Each structure stands twice: as C-alpha cells, then as structure tokens.
C-alpha cells in the first residue's frame, strides 16, 4: 500500500510541476521572451507596446510564440540604447544546470522546445532540474513579476 501511495505522490508532483501558470503574461522584445510585469517595472526603457489577445491575432514575426499566447502576448519595443538587459538562451541555461543543450525547458509550465530561444534574465526566479519523461529537464518559474 505504501508503494502505491508513494508512486501516486511522485506522479502527481511531476504532473503539477508541468502545469501552466495562467497568471503569467508573456511578452517579447527583440525576439527575446520576458513578461509584461518585467517591462512594466522598467517603463523607462520601453518605447511602445502592442498587445495581442489570441494566438490567431499574432503578426507573422510572433507566430513562433503562439504556444505561450493562450492568454495573449505583448510585444514591446525598447528605446535605442536601452537594450542592455541580461539575456540567456535556453541552451545556455540547460548547460549551466548540466542538462543537454537541446532539451526543452519549462517556464511556468509552458514547454519551450526550441533551445535557441532567448529569455531575459530578469524573469528568472526559481530554477530546478527535475525528471520529465525519463530525462533531466530544467523547470523555471518567474521571479514573481508576471
């Protein structure tokens, strides 16, 4: 009985860790992923923004981000000379945590399969390496600025 309960707890914790966080509002600037809250906290560097309500409404240049646009996606334009934010590719993040570079990364439950995707370091909160489908995978939660 203990083994069954233990197995259930492990499976449910893995399932919960991969759930999408609907409160996170993703944003993109210069083809780099961040969050709306991150840019709202740095209004001085923002030149303009465009909000898209659905994945179907995304312009061609943002279609590759449709998987994170379920609740909408905002594109920010950054003022010239203000592009100095920390940036890391998901491949580099994987490498830092001892995971093969081409492994998908989960950010707030959303699976980023393209490890060449770049993110702003400002969104990085808790980073954990967990087992997902039998292999080590990086799970990242945002730093609370959603």
Protein backbone atom coordinates (compact mmCIF):
# COMPACT_ATOMS: atom_id res chain seq x y z
CA UNK A 1 0.00 0.00 0.00
CA UNK A 2 2.83 2.39 0.83
CA UNK A 3 4.45 1.74 -2.55
CA UNK A 4 1.23 2.57 -4.38
CA UNK A 5 0.75 5.77 -2.39
CA UNK A 6 4.38 6.76 -2.89
CA UNK A 7 4.12 6.15 -6.66
CA UNK A 8 0.95 8.23 -6.82
CA UNK A 9 2.61 11.11 -4.97
CA UNK A 10 5.58 11.10 -7.33
CA UNK A 11 3.38 11.07 -10.42
CA UNK A 12 1.12 13.82 -9.12
CA UNK A 13 4.09 16.05 -8.20
CA UNK A 14 5.50 15.67 -11.72
CA UNK A 15 2.11 16.47 -13.23
CA UNK A 16 1.67 19.52 -11.02
CA UNK A 17 5.13 20.85 -11.79
CA UNK A 18 4.33 20.89 -15.51
CA UNK A 19 1.03 22.76 -15.20
CA UNK A 20 0.77 26.07 -16.99
CA UNK A 21 0.54 29.15 -14.82
CA UNK A 22 -2.30 31.23 -16.30
CA UNK A 23 -1.36 34.32 -14.30
CA UNK A 24 1.90 34.79 -16.22
CA UNK A 25 1.60 37.22 -19.13
CA UNK A 26 4.45 36.67 -21.54
CA UNK A 27 6.00 39.42 -23.62
CA UNK A 28 8.54 39.55 -26.42
CA UNK A 29 11.01 42.31 -27.27
CA UNK A 30 13.67 42.00 -29.97
CA UNK A 31 12.82 38.28 -30.31
CA UNK A 32 13.59 37.71 -26.61
CA UNK A 33 10.99 36.39 -24.15
CA UNK A 34 10.14 38.21 -20.95
CA UNK A 35 6.99 39.03 -19.01
CA UNK A 36 4.66 42.00 -19.12
CA UNK A 37 5.38 42.66 -15.44
CA UNK A 38 9.11 42.79 -16.12
CA UNK A 39 8.62 45.53 -18.73
CA UNK A 40 6.07 47.38 -16.61
CA UNK A 41 8.69 47.54 -13.86
CA UNK A 42 11.14 49.07 -16.37
CA UNK A 43 8.90 51.60 -18.11
CA UNK A 44 11.83 53.96 -18.74
CA UNK A 45 13.29 51.61 -21.38
CA UNK A 46 10.01 50.95 -23.22
CA UNK A 47 9.33 52.87 -26.39
CA UNK A 48 5.98 51.25 -27.25
CA UNK A 49 3.95 48.07 -26.87
CA UNK A 50 1.34 46.11 -28.81
CA UNK A 51 -0.92 43.62 -27.09
CA UNK A 52 -2.38 40.64 -28.93
CA UNK A 53 -5.34 38.88 -27.34
CA UNK A 54 -5.15 35.48 -29.08
CA UNK A 55 -2.57 33.31 -30.85
CA UNK A 56 -4.53 33.74 -34.09
CA UNK A 57 -4.08 37.52 -33.90
CA UNK A 58 -0.28 37.41 -33.72
CA UNK A 59 1.68 39.01 -36.56
CA UNK A 60 3.85 36.69 -38.65
CA UNK A 61 7.03 37.57 -36.73
CA UNK A 62 5.48 36.39 -33.44
CA UNK A 63 3.71 33.22 -34.68
CA UNK A 64 6.51 31.04 -33.28
CA UNK A 65 5.43 32.20 -29.81
CA UNK A 66 1.79 31.18 -30.25
CA UNK A 67 2.23 28.37 -27.67
CA UNK A 68 2.69 30.99 -24.92
CA UNK A 69 -0.02 33.32 -26.24
CA UNK A 70 -3.06 31.42 -24.95
CA UNK A 71 -3.89 34.36 -22.67
CA UNK A 72 -2.41 36.92 -25.05
CA UNK A 73 1.08 38.17 -25.81
CA UNK A 74 2.54 41.65 -25.71
CA UNK A 75 5.30 42.86 -28.00
CA UNK A 76 7.49 45.62 -26.59
CA UNK A 77 9.79 47.94 -28.49
CA UNK A 78 12.78 49.06 -26.44
CA UNK A 79 14.26 52.54 -26.79
CA UNK A 80 17.54 52.80 -28.69
CA UNK A 81 20.49 52.48 -26.36
CA UNK A 82 18.42 50.75 -23.68
CA UNK A 83 18.93 47.14 -24.81
CA UNK A 84 21.41 46.30 -22.01
CA UNK A 85 19.28 43.74 -20.16
CA UNK A 86 20.77 40.33 -19.32
CA UNK A 87 19.89 37.71 -21.92
CA UNK A 88 20.41 33.94 -21.88
CA UNK A 89 19.48 31.26 -24.38
CA UNK A 90 17.68 28.18 -23.14
CA UNK A 91 20.60 26.08 -24.44
CA UNK A 92 22.97 28.06 -22.18
CA UNK A 93 20.57 27.66 -19.27
CA UNK A 94 20.44 23.91 -19.82
CA UNK A 95 24.23 23.77 -19.97
CA UNK A 96 24.56 25.68 -16.68
CA UNK A 97 22.40 23.07 -14.97
CA UNK A 98 24.13 20.04 -16.50
CA UNK A 99 21.30 19.23 -18.91
CA UNK A 100 21.90 18.55 -22.64
CA UNK A 101 21.55 21.84 -24.52
CA UNK A 102 18.79 20.64 -26.87
CA UNK A 103 16.46 19.59 -24.02
CA UNK A 104 13.16 21.52 -23.82
CA UNK A 105 12.80 23.94 -20.90
CA UNK A 106 9.59 24.53 -18.95
CA UNK A 107 8.87 28.13 -17.97
CA UNK A 108 5.84 28.45 -15.69
CA UNK A 109 4.59 25.15 -17.13
CA UNK A 110 4.95 26.17 -20.78
CA UNK A 111 7.25 23.89 -22.74
CA UNK A 112 9.85 25.74 -24.80
CA UNK A 113 11.09 23.13 -27.29
CA UNK A 114 13.47 25.43 -29.21
CA UNK A 115 16.56 25.72 -27.03
CA UNK A 116 17.86 28.59 -29.16
CA UNK A 117 15.06 30.74 -27.69
CA UNK A 118 16.47 33.60 -25.66
CA UNK A 119 14.96 34.93 -22.45
CA UNK A 120 15.61 37.97 -20.30
CA UNK A 121 17.47 37.11 -17.11
CA UNK A 122 15.07 39.35 -15.18
CA UNK A 123 12.30 36.75 -15.45
CA UNK A 124 14.35 34.01 -13.83
CA UNK A 125 13.13 33.09 -10.39
CA UNK A 126 13.30 29.57 -9.05
CA UNK A 127 15.18 27.15 -11.35
CA UNK A 128 15.05 23.42 -10.72
CA UNK A 129 16.17 20.33 -12.57
CA UNK A 130 13.53 17.61 -12.42
CA UNK A 131 12.87 14.33 -14.13
CA UNK A 132 10.41 14.70 -17.02
CA UNK A 133 9.60 11.74 -19.25
CA UNK A 134 12.69 9.96 -18.01
CA UNK A 135 15.22 12.73 -18.60
CA UNK A 136 16.59 15.67 -16.65
CA UNK A 137 14.74 18.87 -17.55
CA UNK A 138 15.03 22.48 -16.40
CA UNK A 139 11.89 23.97 -14.84
CA UNK A 140 11.89 27.73 -14.37
CA UNK A 141 9.40 29.86 -12.51
CA UNK A 142 9.36 33.60 -12.97
CA UNK A 143 10.55 35.84 -10.19
CA UNK A 144 7.04 36.93 -9.27
CA UNK A 145 6.92 39.77 -11.81
CA UNK A 146 4.20 38.39 -14.03
